[in-house]
């Protein structure tokens, strides 16, 4: 659904005011729409690898704890 001319004008005003008030936040929000190929996949791979490492560490800790008792 397309925005009306008035809605587009209001949105532009909001964007301009945001850029003036908090340029750092405006930059971060602008990057949200920046789709780089492979970036999402890379994040998922890193998250999965981190979860796997934590699971192995937890399994080792549980094994040590049960072996001691």
Protein backbone atom coordinates (compact mmCIF):
# COMPACT_ATOMS: atom_id res chain seq x y z
CA UNK A 1 0.00 0.00 0.00
CA UNK A 2 1.50 3.29 -1.11
CA UNK A 3 1.66 6.32 1.14
CA UNK A 4 -0.31 9.41 0.29
CA UNK A 5 1.60 12.60 -0.50
CA UNK A 6 0.73 13.97 2.95
CA UNK A 7 1.90 10.80 4.70
CA UNK A 8 5.13 10.83 2.70
CA UNK A 9 5.70 14.49 3.62
CA UNK A 10 5.16 13.76 7.33
CA UNK A 11 7.48 10.76 7.17
CA UNK A 12 10.17 12.89 5.52
CA UNK A 13 9.82 15.51 8.25
CA UNK A 14 10.20 12.84 10.93
CA UNK A 15 13.33 11.50 9.23
CA UNK A 16 14.86 14.96 8.97
CA UNK A 17 14.13 15.76 12.62
CA UNK A 18 15.53 12.42 13.74
CA UNK A 19 18.72 13.03 11.78
CA UNK A 20 19.07 16.45 13.38
CA UNK A 21 18.22 15.35 16.93
CA UNK A 22 20.13 12.06 17.07
CA UNK A 23 22.34 11.44 14.04
CA UNK A 24 23.87 8.31 15.56
CA UNK A 25 20.45 6.67 16.01
CA UNK A 26 19.38 7.77 12.54
CA UNK A 27 22.48 6.13 11.08
CA UNK A 28 21.81 2.88 12.96
CA UNK A 29 18.18 2.83 11.81
CA UNK A 30 19.23 3.50 8.23
CA UNK A 31 21.53 0.47 8.38
CA UNK A 32 18.60 -1.80 9.32
CA UNK A 33 17.42 -1.71 5.73
CA UNK A 34 20.92 -2.34 4.41
CA UNK A 35 20.82 -5.92 3.14
CA UNK A 36 24.27 -7.29 2.52
CA UNK A 37 24.44 -10.72 0.90
CA UNK A 38 25.50 -13.43 3.33
CA UNK A 39 25.41 -11.23 6.40
CA UNK A 40 22.35 -12.89 7.94
CA UNK A 41 23.71 -16.36 7.21
CA UNK A 42 27.04 -15.51 8.81
CA UNK A 43 25.31 -14.33 11.98
CA UNK A 44 23.26 -17.53 12.15
CA UNK A 45 26.38 -19.68 11.70
CA UNK A 46 28.20 -17.80 14.47
CA UNK A 47 25.17 -18.12 16.77
CA UNK A 48 24.88 -21.86 16.08
CA UNK A 49 28.60 -22.41 16.67
CA UNK A 50 28.41 -20.48 19.94
CA UNK A 51 25.41 -22.53 21.09
CA UNK A 52 27.25 -25.75 20.21
CA UNK A 53 30.35 -24.72 22.17
CA UNK A 54 28.22 -23.81 25.19
CA UNK A 55 26.40 -27.15 24.99
CA UNK A 56 29.72 -29.03 24.94
CA UNK A 57 31.02 -27.04 27.91
CA UNK A 58 27.79 -27.75 29.83
CA UNK A 59 28.01 -31.47 29.02
CA UNK A 60 31.62 -31.60 30.23
CA UNK A 61 30.72 -29.73 33.42
CA UNK A 62 27.82 -32.11 34.11
CA UNK A 63 30.05 -35.13 33.42
CA UNK A 64 32.72 -33.87 35.80
CA UNK A 65 30.17 -33.05 38.48
CA UNK A 66 28.58 -36.51 38.32
CA UNK A 67 31.97 -38.27 38.24
CA UNK A 68 33.06 -36.48 41.42
CA UNK A 69 30.02 -37.53 43.43
